[in-house]
C-alpha atoms as a PDB file:
ATOM      1  CA  MET A   1      41.645   5.707 -47.570  1.00  0.00           C
ATOM      2  CA  SER A   2      45.001   6.400 -49.198  1.00  0.00           C
ATOM      3  CA  LEU A   3      47.085   9.443 -48.382  1.00  0.00           C
ATOM      4  CA  SER A   4      46.567  10.753 -51.930  1.00  0.00           C
ATOM      5  CA  ARG A   5      42.796  10.544 -51.451  1.00  0.00           C
ATOM      6  CA  ARG A   6      43.065  12.449 -48.152  1.00  0.00           C
ATOM      7  CA  ALA A   7      45.137  15.127 -49.841  1.00  0.00           C
ATOM      8  CA  PHE A   8      42.648  15.319 -52.701  1.00  0.00           C
ATOM      9  CA  LEU A   9      39.688  15.913 -50.389  1.00  0.00           C
ATOM     10  CA  ALA A  10      41.588  18.385 -48.220  1.00  0.00           C
ATOM     11  CA  SER A  11      42.561  20.465 -51.259  1.00  0.00           C
ATOM     12  CA  LEU A  12      39.057  20.902 -52.656  1.00  0.00           C
ATOM     13  CA  PRO A  13      37.953  24.537 -53.133  1.00  0.00           C
ATOM     14  CA  LEU A  14      34.992  25.893 -51.203  1.00  0.00           C
ATOM     15  CA  ALA A  15      32.044  26.571 -53.474  1.00  0.00           C
ATOM     16  CA  ALA A  16      30.489  30.018 -53.717  1.00  0.00           C
ATOM     17  CA  CYS A  17      27.124  28.707 -52.488  1.00  0.00           C
ATOM     18  CA  THR A  18      28.315  27.997 -48.954  1.00  0.00           C
ATOM     19  CA  PRO A  19      25.998  29.553 -46.329  1.00  0.00           C
ATOM     20  CA  ARG A  20      26.656  32.874 -44.687  1.00  0.00           C
ATOM     21  CA  ARG A  21      29.325  32.196 -42.100  1.00  0.00           C
ATOM     22  CA  GLU A  22      27.514  33.610 -39.080  1.00  0.00           C
ATOM     23  CA  ARG A  23      27.444  29.976 -37.984  1.00  0.00           C
ATOM     24  CA  ALA A  24      30.764  28.323 -37.243  1.00  0.00           C
ATOM     25  CA  LEU A  25      31.594  24.837 -38.433  1.00  0.00           C
ATOM     26  CA  THR A  26      30.429  22.123 -36.079  1.00  0.00           C
ATOM     27  CA  ASP A  27      33.273  20.373 -34.277  1.00  0.00           C
ATOM     28  CA  PRO A  28      33.945  17.247 -36.398  1.00  0.00           C
ATOM     29  CA  LYS A  29      34.130  15.022 -33.295  1.00  0.00           C
ATOM     30  CA  ILE A  30      30.683  16.187 -32.210  1.00  0.00           C
ATOM     31  CA  ALA A  31      29.238  15.806 -35.707  1.00  0.00           C
ATOM     32  CA  ALA A  32      30.616  12.255 -35.849  1.00  0.00           C
ATOM     33  CA  ARG A  33      28.934  11.260 -32.574  1.00  0.00           C
ATOM     34  CA  TYR A  34      25.464  12.729 -33.045  1.00  0.00           C
ATOM     35  CA  ASN A  35      23.705  11.090 -35.972  1.00  0.00           C
ATOM     36  CA  ASN A  36      20.502   9.478 -37.106  1.00  0.00           C
ATOM     37  CA  PHE A  37      20.991   6.222 -38.997  1.00  0.00           C
ATOM     38  CA  TYR A  38      18.161   3.901 -38.014  1.00  0.00           C
ATOM     39  CA  GLU A  39      19.536   0.866 -39.789  1.00  0.00           C
ATOM     40  CA  PHE A  40      22.112   0.754 -36.987  1.00  0.00           C
ATOM     41  CA  THR A  41      20.276   2.196 -33.972  1.00  0.00           C
ATOM     42  CA  PRO A  42      17.393   4.547 -33.083  1.00  0.00           C
ATOM     43  CA  GLU A  43      19.795   6.373 -30.730  1.00  0.00           C
ATOM     44  CA  LYS A  44      22.289   9.096 -31.657  1.00  0.00           C
ATOM     45  CA  ASP A  45      25.404   7.018 -30.872  1.00  0.00           C
ATOM     46  CA  VAL A  46      25.520   5.440 -34.324  1.00  0.00           C
ATOM     47  CA  TRP A  47      29.325   5.375 -34.216  1.00  0.00           C
ATOM     48  CA  ARG A  48      29.163   2.660 -31.549  1.00  0.00           C
ATOM     49  CA  HIS A  49      27.195   0.284 -33.814  1.00  0.00           C
ATOM     50  CA  VAL A  50      28.952   0.454 -37.186  1.00  0.00           C
ATOM     51  CA  GLY A  51      31.928  -1.824 -36.563  1.00  0.00           C
ATOM     52  CA  ALA A  52      30.642  -4.621 -38.800  1.00  0.00           C
ATOM     53  CA  PHE A  53      29.756  -2.320 -41.708  1.00  0.00           C
ATOM     54  CA  GLY A  54      31.829  -2.923 -44.836  1.00  0.00           C
ATOM     55  CA  THR A  55      31.853  -0.598 -47.843  1.00  0.00           C
ATOM     56  CA  ASP A  56      34.394  -2.275 -50.119  1.00  0.00           C
ATOM     57  CA  PRO A  57      33.416  -3.022 -52.834  1.00  0.00           C
ATOM     58  CA  TRP A  58      30.574  -0.541 -53.425  1.00  0.00           C
ATOM     59  CA  SER A  59      28.517   0.430 -56.427  1.00  0.00           C
ATOM     60  CA  VAL A  60      25.523   2.651 -57.197  1.00  0.00           C
ATOM     61  CA  GLU A  61      23.029   1.613 -59.854  1.00  0.00           C
ATOM     62  CA  VAL A  62      21.256   4.331 -61.832  1.00  0.00           C
ATOM     63  CA  ALA A  63      18.175   2.820 -63.439  1.00  0.00           C
ATOM     64  CA  GLY A  64      14.494   3.270 -64.224  1.00  0.00           C
ATOM     65  CA  LEU A  65      13.450   5.771 -66.891  1.00  0.00           C
ATOM     66  CA  ALA A  66      17.003   6.281 -68.097  1.00  0.00           C
ATOM     67  CA  GLY A  67      18.266   6.184 -71.623  1.00  0.00           C
ATOM     68  CA  LYS A  68      21.632   5.037 -70.363  1.00  0.00           C
ATOM     69  CA  PRO A  69      21.185   3.016 -67.169  1.00  0.00           C
ATOM     70  CA  ARG A  70      24.447   2.054 -65.549  1.00  0.00           C
ATOM     71  CA  VAL A  71      26.103   0.631 -62.457  1.00  0.00           C
ATOM     72  CA  TRP A  72      28.824   2.970 -61.183  1.00  0.00           C
ATOM     73  CA  THR A  73      31.608   1.682 -58.968  1.00  0.00           C
ATOM     74  CA  LEU A  74      32.787   3.855 -56.119  1.00  0.00           C
ATOM     75  CA  GLU A  75      36.087   4.331 -57.920  1.00  0.00           C
ATOM     76  CA  GLU A  76      34.225   5.684 -60.965  1.00  0.00           C
ATOM     77  CA  LEU A  77      32.186   8.075 -58.834  1.00  0.00           C
ATOM     78  CA  LEU A  78      35.354   9.365 -57.202  1.00  0.00           C
ATOM     79  CA  ARG A  79      36.657  10.328 -60.647  1.00  0.00           C
ATOM     80  CA  PHE A  80      33.934  12.955 -61.030  1.00  0.00           C
ATOM     81  CA  PRO A  81      35.359  16.429 -60.296  1.00  0.00           C
ATOM     82  CA  HIS A  82      34.733  17.061 -56.603  1.00  0.00           C
ATOM     83  CA  GLU A  83      34.453  20.235 -54.564  1.00  0.00           C
ATOM     84  CA  GLU A  84      33.909  21.038 -50.900  1.00  0.00           C
ATOM     85  CA  ARG A  85      30.765  22.873 -49.831  1.00  0.00           C
ATOM     86  CA  VAL A  86      29.896  24.056 -46.343  1.00  0.00           C
ATOM     87  CA  TYR A  87      26.183  23.458 -45.789  1.00  0.00           C
ATOM     88  CA  ARG A  88      23.784  23.855 -42.930  1.00  0.00           C
ATOM     89  CA  HIS A  89      22.154  20.551 -41.985  1.00  0.00           C
ATOM     90  CA  ARG A  90      18.750  20.872 -40.299  1.00  0.00           C
ATOM     91  CA  CYS A  91      17.149  17.814 -38.706  1.00  0.00           C
ATOM     92  CA  VAL A  92      13.376  17.589 -38.406  1.00  0.00           C
ATOM     93  CA  GLU A  93      14.026  17.035 -34.674  1.00  0.00           C
ATOM     94  CA  ALA A  94      15.001  20.743 -34.425  1.00  0.00           C
ATOM     95  CA  TRP A  95      18.769  20.322 -34.089  1.00  0.00           C
ATOM     96  CA  SER A  96      21.285  21.456 -36.648  1.00  0.00           C
ATOM     97  CA  MET A  97      24.957  21.476 -37.564  1.00  0.00           C
ATOM     98  CA  VAL A  98      27.225  23.114 -40.137  1.00  0.00           C
ATOM     99  CA  VAL A  99      29.561  20.770 -42.002  1.00  0.00           C
ATOM    100  CA  PRO A 100      31.838  20.732 -45.071  1.00  0.00           C
ATOM    101  CA  TRP A 101      30.741  18.058 -47.534  1.00  0.00           C
ATOM    102  CA  SER A 102      32.935  16.826 -50.403  1.00  0.00           C
ATOM    103  CA  GLY A 103      31.165  15.731 -53.557  1.00  0.00           C
ATOM    104  CA  PHE A 104      29.639  16.886 -56.822  1.00  0.00           C
ATOM    105  CA  PRO A 105      26.180  17.957 -58.033  1.00  0.00           C
ATOM    106  CA  LEU A 106      23.936  14.928 -58.443  1.00  0.00           C
ATOM    107  CA  ALA A 107      22.766  16.456 -61.718  1.00  0.00           C
ATOM    108  CA  ARG A 108      26.015  15.366 -63.377  1.00  0.00           C
ATOM    109  CA  LEU A 109      25.271  11.719 -62.666  1.00  0.00           C
ATOM    110  CA  LEU A 110      21.636  12.064 -63.700  1.00  0.00           C
ATOM    111  CA  ARG A 111      22.542  13.753 -66.972  1.00  0.00           C
ATOM    112  CA  ALA A 112      24.896  10.884 -67.745  1.00  0.00           C
ATOM    113  CA  ALA A 113      21.888   8.570 -67.341  1.00  0.00           C
ATOM    114  CA  GLU A 114      19.897  10.609 -69.897  1.00  0.00           C
ATOM    115  CA  PRO A 115      16.494  10.794 -68.141  1.00  0.00           C
ATOM    116  CA  LYS A 116      13.627   9.870 -70.425  1.00  0.00           C
ATOM    117  CA  HIS A 117      10.852  12.363 -71.136  1.00  0.00           C
ATOM    118  CA  ALA A 118       8.473  10.594 -68.743  1.00  0.00           C
ATOM    119  CA  ALA A 119      10.871  10.865 -65.779  1.00  0.00           C
ATOM    120  CA  ARG A 120       9.508  13.221 -63.125  1.00  0.00           C
ATOM    121  CA  TYR A 121      10.974  11.897 -59.858  1.00  0.00           C
ATOM    122  CA  VAL A 122      14.101  10.301 -58.461  1.00  0.00           C
ATOM    123  CA  ARG A 123      13.951   7.444 -55.952  1.00  0.00           C
ATOM    124  CA  PHE A 124      16.911   6.600 -53.715  1.00  0.00           C
ATOM    125  CA  VAL A 125      17.504   3.213 -52.098  1.00  0.00           C
ATOM    126  CA  SER A 126      19.919   2.748 -49.197  1.00  0.00           C
ATOM    127  CA  PHE A 127      21.954  -0.335 -48.389  1.00  0.00           C
ATOM    128  CA  SER A 128      20.250  -2.763 -46.016  1.00  0.00           C
ATOM    129  CA  ASP A 129      21.763  -5.893 -44.485  1.00  0.00           C
ATOM    130  CA  PRO A 130      20.704  -7.379 -41.121  1.00  0.00           C
ATOM    131  CA  ALA A 131      24.087  -9.077 -40.802  1.00  0.00           C
ATOM    132  CA  GLN A 132      25.806  -5.679 -40.695  1.00  0.00           C
ATOM    133  CA  MET A 133      23.070  -3.365 -39.430  1.00  0.00           C
ATOM    134  CA  PRO A 134      21.795  -4.225 -35.941  1.00  0.00           C
ATOM    135  CA  HIS A 135      18.497  -2.352 -36.097  1.00  0.00           C
ATOM    136  CA  VAL A 136      17.543  -3.935 -39.421  1.00  0.00           C
ATOM    137  CA  ALA A 137      18.025  -7.297 -37.731  1.00  0.00           C
ATOM    138  CA  ALA A 138      16.120  -6.201 -34.612  1.00  0.00           C
ATOM    139  CA  GLN A 139      13.118  -4.844 -36.531  1.00  0.00           C
ATOM    140  CA  PRO A 140      12.730  -6.944 -39.688  1.00  0.00           C
ATOM    141  CA  TRP A 141       9.075  -5.917 -39.991  1.00  0.00           C
ATOM    142  CA  GLN A 142      10.047  -2.365 -40.907  1.00  0.00           C
ATOM    143  CA  LYS A 143       9.942  -1.429 -44.579  1.00  0.00           C
ATOM    144  CA  TRP A 144      13.647  -1.845 -45.233  1.00  0.00           C
ATOM    145  CA  PRO A 145      15.528  -0.816 -47.251  1.00  0.00           C
ATOM    146  CA  TYR A 146      15.341   2.885 -46.471  1.00  0.00           C
ATOM    147  CA  THR A 147      14.021   4.818 -49.455  1.00  0.00           C
ATOM    148  CA  GLU A 148      13.682   8.518 -50.191  1.00  0.00           C
ATOM    149  CA  GLY A 149      12.697  10.611 -53.159  1.00  0.00           C
ATOM    150  CA  LEU A 150      12.865  13.995 -54.832  1.00  0.00           C
ATOM    151  CA  ARG A 151      11.216  15.634 -57.770  1.00  0.00           C
ATOM    152  CA  LEU A 152      13.530  15.495 -60.755  1.00  0.00           C
ATOM    153  CA  ASP A 153      13.986  19.294 -60.774  1.00  0.00           C
ATOM    154  CA  GLU A 154      14.973  19.185 -57.084  1.00  0.00           C
ATOM    155  CA  ALA A 155      17.440  16.387 -57.732  1.00  0.00           C
ATOM    156  CA  MET A 156      18.893  18.315 -60.677  1.00  0.00           C
ATOM    157  CA  HIS A 157      19.353  21.526 -58.683  1.00  0.00           C
ATOM    158  CA  ASP A 158      22.990  22.537 -58.275  1.00  0.00           C
ATOM    159  CA  LEU A 159      22.737  22.478 -54.455  1.00  0.00           C
ATOM    160  CA  THR A 160      21.824  18.779 -54.403  1.00  0.00           C
ATOM    161  CA  LEU A 161      25.072  16.878 -53.908  1.00  0.00           C
ATOM    162  CA  LEU A 162      26.254  13.337 -54.277  1.00  0.00           C
ATOM    163  CA  VAL A 163      28.666  13.232 -51.329  1.00  0.00           C
ATOM    164  CA  THR A 164      31.675  11.013 -50.693  1.00  0.00           C
ATOM    165  CA  GLY A 165      33.515  12.995 -48.008  1.00  0.00           C
ATOM    166  CA  ILE A 166      33.220  15.249 -44.967  1.00  0.00           C
ATOM    167  CA  TYR A 167      35.770  17.432 -43.139  1.00  0.00           C
ATOM    168  CA  GLY A 168      38.353  16.604 -45.787  1.00  0.00           C
ATOM    169  CA  HIS A 169      38.189  12.818 -45.407  1.00  0.00           C
ATOM    170  CA  ALA A 170      36.022   9.977 -46.657  1.00  0.00           C
ATOM    171  CA  LEU A 171      32.563   9.636 -45.124  1.00  0.00           C
ATOM    172  CA  PRO A 172      32.567   7.531 -41.966  1.00  0.00           C
ATOM    173  CA  ALA A 173      29.797   4.981 -41.644  1.00  0.00           C
ATOM    174  CA  GLN A 174      27.670   7.085 -39.303  1.00  0.00           C
ATOM    175  CA  HIS A 175      27.572   9.882 -41.907  1.00  0.00           C
ATOM    176  CA  GLY A 176      26.428   7.524 -44.677  1.00  0.00           C
ATOM    177  CA  ALA A 177      29.562   5.927 -46.100  1.00  0.00           C
ATOM    178  CA  PRO A 178      30.599   5.679 -48.796  1.00  0.00           C
ATOM    179  CA  VAL A 179      27.988   7.579 -50.862  1.00  0.00           C
ATOM    180  CA  ARG A 180      25.098   9.716 -49.678  1.00  0.00           C
ATOM    181  CA  ILE A 181      22.885  12.469 -51.023  1.00  0.00           C
ATOM    182  CA  VAL A 182      22.692  15.917 -49.403  1.00  0.00           C
ATOM    183  CA  VAL A 183      19.748  18.273 -50.019  1.00  0.00           C
ATOM    184  CA  PRO A 184      20.459  21.239 -47.737  1.00  0.00           C
ATOM    185  CA  TRP A 185      17.124  23.080 -47.941  1.00  0.00           C
ATOM    186  CA  LYS A 186      15.156  20.028 -46.775  1.00  0.00           C
ATOM    187  CA  TYR A 187      15.002  18.229 -43.430  1.00  0.00           C
ATOM    188  CA  GLY A 188      17.822  15.762 -42.946  1.00  0.00           C
ATOM    189  CA  TYR A 189      15.862  12.577 -43.608  1.00  0.00           C
ATOM    190  CA  LYS A 190      15.554  13.722 -47.236  1.00  0.00           C
ATOM    191  CA  SER A 191      19.341  13.215 -47.586  1.00  0.00           C
ATOM    192  CA  PRO A 192      19.624   9.399 -47.740  1.00  0.00           C
ATOM    193  CA  LYS A 193      22.764   7.609 -46.572  1.00  0.00           C
ATOM    194  CA  SER A 194      24.737   4.664 -47.996  1.00  0.00           C
ATOM    195  CA  VAL A 195      22.929   4.833 -51.341  1.00  0.00           C
ATOM    196  CA  VAL A 196      23.087   1.803 -53.642  1.00  0.00           C
ATOM    197  CA  ARG A 197      20.382   2.608 -56.196  1.00  0.00           C
ATOM    198  CA  ILE A 198      19.054   5.760 -57.882  1.00  0.00           C
ATOM    199  CA  GLU A 199      15.922   5.237 -59.935  1.00  0.00           C
ATOM    200  CA  LEU A 200      14.200   7.657 -62.312  1.00  0.00           C
ATOM    201  CA  THR A 201      10.423   7.301 -62.111  1.00  0.00           C
ATOM    202  CA  ALA A 202       7.271   8.788 -63.602  1.00  0.00           C
ATOM    203  CA  GLU A 203       5.283   8.627 -60.360  1.00  0.00           C
ATOM    204  CA  GLN A 204       6.076  10.052 -56.941  1.00  0.00           C
ATOM    205  CA  PRO A 205       7.927   7.270 -55.117  1.00  0.00           C
ATOM    206  CA  ARG A 206       6.932   5.937 -51.739  1.00  0.00           C
ATOM    207  CA  THR A 207       9.462   6.771 -49.041  1.00  0.00           C
ATOM    208  CA  PHE A 208      10.377   5.196 -45.710  1.00  0.00           C
ATOM    209  CA  TRP A 209       9.242   7.899 -43.266  1.00  0.00           C
ATOM    210  CA  ASN A 210       6.329   9.125 -45.335  1.00  0.00           C
ATOM    211  CA  ASP A 211       4.943   5.586 -45.339  1.00  0.00           C
ATOM    212  CA  LEU A 212       5.313   5.350 -41.548  1.00  0.00           C
ATOM    213  CA  ALA A 213       3.887   8.772 -40.646  1.00  0.00           C
ATOM    214  CA  PRO A 214       2.774  10.891 -43.619  1.00  0.00           C
ATOM    215  CA  VAL A 215       1.530  13.778 -41.461  1.00  0.00           C
ATOM    216  CA  GLU A 216       4.886  14.087 -39.698  1.00  0.00           C
ATOM    217  CA  TYR A 217       7.079  13.410 -42.751  1.00  0.00           C
ATOM    218  CA  PRO A 218       5.511  14.800 -45.942  1.00  0.00           C
ATOM    219  CA  PHE A 219       7.151  14.071 -49.258  1.00  0.00           C
ATOM    220  CA  GLU A 220       8.266  17.655 -49.916  1.00  0.00           C
ATOM    221  CA  SER A 221       9.716  18.353 -46.426  1.00  0.00           C
ATOM    222  CA  ASN A 222      11.306  21.709 -47.102  1.00  0.00           C
ATOM    223  CA  VAL A 223      12.601  23.347 -43.919  1.00  0.00           C
ATOM    224  CA  ASP A 224       9.713  25.594 -42.852  1.00  0.00           C
ATOM    225  CA  PRO A 225       9.677  27.330 -39.467  1.00  0.00           C
ATOM    226  CA  ALA A 226       6.061  28.402 -39.995  1.00  0.00           C
ATOM    227  CA  THR A 227       4.828  24.803 -40.136  1.00  0.00           C
ATOM    228  CA  PRO A 228       5.269  22.994 -36.821  1.00  0.00           C
ATOM    229  CA  HIS A 229       5.913  19.312 -36.527  1.00  0.00           C
ATOM    230  CA  PRO A 230       2.847  17.681 -34.929  1.00  0.00           C
ATOM    231  CA  ARG A 231       4.875  17.177 -31.718  1.00  0.00           C
ATOM    232  CA  TRP A 232       7.125  20.266 -31.528  1.00  0.00           C
ATOM    233  CA  SER A 233       7.778  23.718 -32.923  1.00  0.00           C
ATOM    234  CA  GLN A 234      10.100  24.317 -35.869  1.00  0.00           C
ATOM    235  CA  LEU A 235      10.612  28.019 -35.127  1.00  0.00           C
ATOM    236  CA  THR A 236      14.044  27.492 -33.596  1.00  0.00           C
ATOM    237  CA  GLU A 237      16.873  24.968 -33.730  1.00  0.00           C
ATOM    238  CA  ARG A 238      19.665  23.876 -31.408  1.00  0.00           C
ATOM    239  CA  LEU A 239      23.189  23.813 -32.794  1.00  0.00           C
ATOM    240  CA  ILE A 240      24.651  20.533 -31.566  1.00  0.00           C
ATOM    241  CA  GLY A 241      27.698  20.781 -29.332  1.00  0.00           C
ATOM    242  CA  THR A 242      26.775  24.294 -28.207  1.00  0.00           C
ATOM    243  CA  ALA A 243      24.226  26.091 -26.044  1.00  0.00           C
ATOM    244  CA  ASP A 244      23.250  28.133 -29.101  1.00  0.00           C
ATOM    245  CA  VAL A 245      19.587  28.240 -30.172  1.00  0.00           C
ATOM    246  CA  ARG A 246      18.874  30.030 -33.447  1.00  0.00           C
ATOM    247  CA  ARG A 247      15.816  31.043 -35.384  1.00  0.00           C
ATOM    248  CA  THR A 248      15.126  28.534 -38.142  1.00  0.00           C
ATOM    249  CA  LEU A 249      15.371  30.033 -41.618  1.00  0.00           C
ATOM    250  CA  PRO A 250      12.886  29.164 -44.379  1.00  0.00           C
ATOM    251  CA  PHE A 251      14.430  26.642 -46.752  1.00  0.00           C
ATOM    252  CA  ASN A 252      17.245  26.410 -44.158  1.00  0.00           C
ATOM    253  CA  GLY A 253      18.660  29.698 -45.425  1.00  0.00           C
ATOM    254  CA  TYR A 254      18.764  28.691 -49.098  1.00  0.00           C
ATOM    255  CA  GLY A 255      15.527  30.346 -50.150  1.00  0.00           C
ATOM    256  CA  GLU A 256      17.130  32.736 -52.627  1.00  0.00           C
ATOM    257  CA  LEU A 257      18.521  29.749 -54.502  1.00  0.00           C
ATOM    258  CA  VAL A 258      15.601  27.292 -54.396  1.00  0.00           C
ATOM    259  CA  ARG A 259      12.375  29.227 -53.835  1.00  0.00           C
ATOM    260  CA  SER A 260      11.748  29.365 -57.587  1.00  0.00           C
ATOM    261  CA  LEU A 261      11.235  25.583 -57.552  1.00  0.00           C
ATOM    262  CA  TYR A 262       7.977  26.053 -55.611  1.00  0.00           C
ATOM    263  CA  VAL A 263       6.174  28.923 -57.346  1.00  0.00           C
END
């Protein structure tokens, strides 16, 4: 990444919707070494397995029920006005972190695509290549590529970000380089990494984890401390890199902003 790009990301203003700052930012070194990215490894040390991953060139196709389908290059996406937002990130595994993402509301990209009247959902497709991703090569029987989905109104919500940076620099591979989606009121697997395709659909799309274990990974997957995972409680969460255990907040603390989507 060029120096000018670094300076650009570092200068971004913090948005007003950042969470209450009773939780400090996670140390960037810890956040970079504790990740889920199953295309590379089922373990947390994703950073050890990404050496062969190349992101240049990169493009994201927006297609499906769109009046103006288009393939966007990374350079074109970077021209969208960016901002930095500090969000809580809550994993379904009951750990969490607080990180500053750099990006822009996904709604801007979707509006440019002009969703057709029949569009009700958005499907995301992640990059998948066994030559670059060791776990894809090791488990070819899995339903690669990774896919996720949102309702269109969820995808259009201002909190839902298309992200290109973290901690003032470009996304590293373990965080989902070079383009990922972040949906802060949902469990982390609803924020797909290394996205190459965004598709507007009429029907609820099938998704990677929901196909594998629908009871454990429902399509909606809003953070909900009152609903336990089949194998553990969701009442509390562990902040990675600390000994701190906190009470899990409904909608991950964003209820005032998103609860109206579900009434």
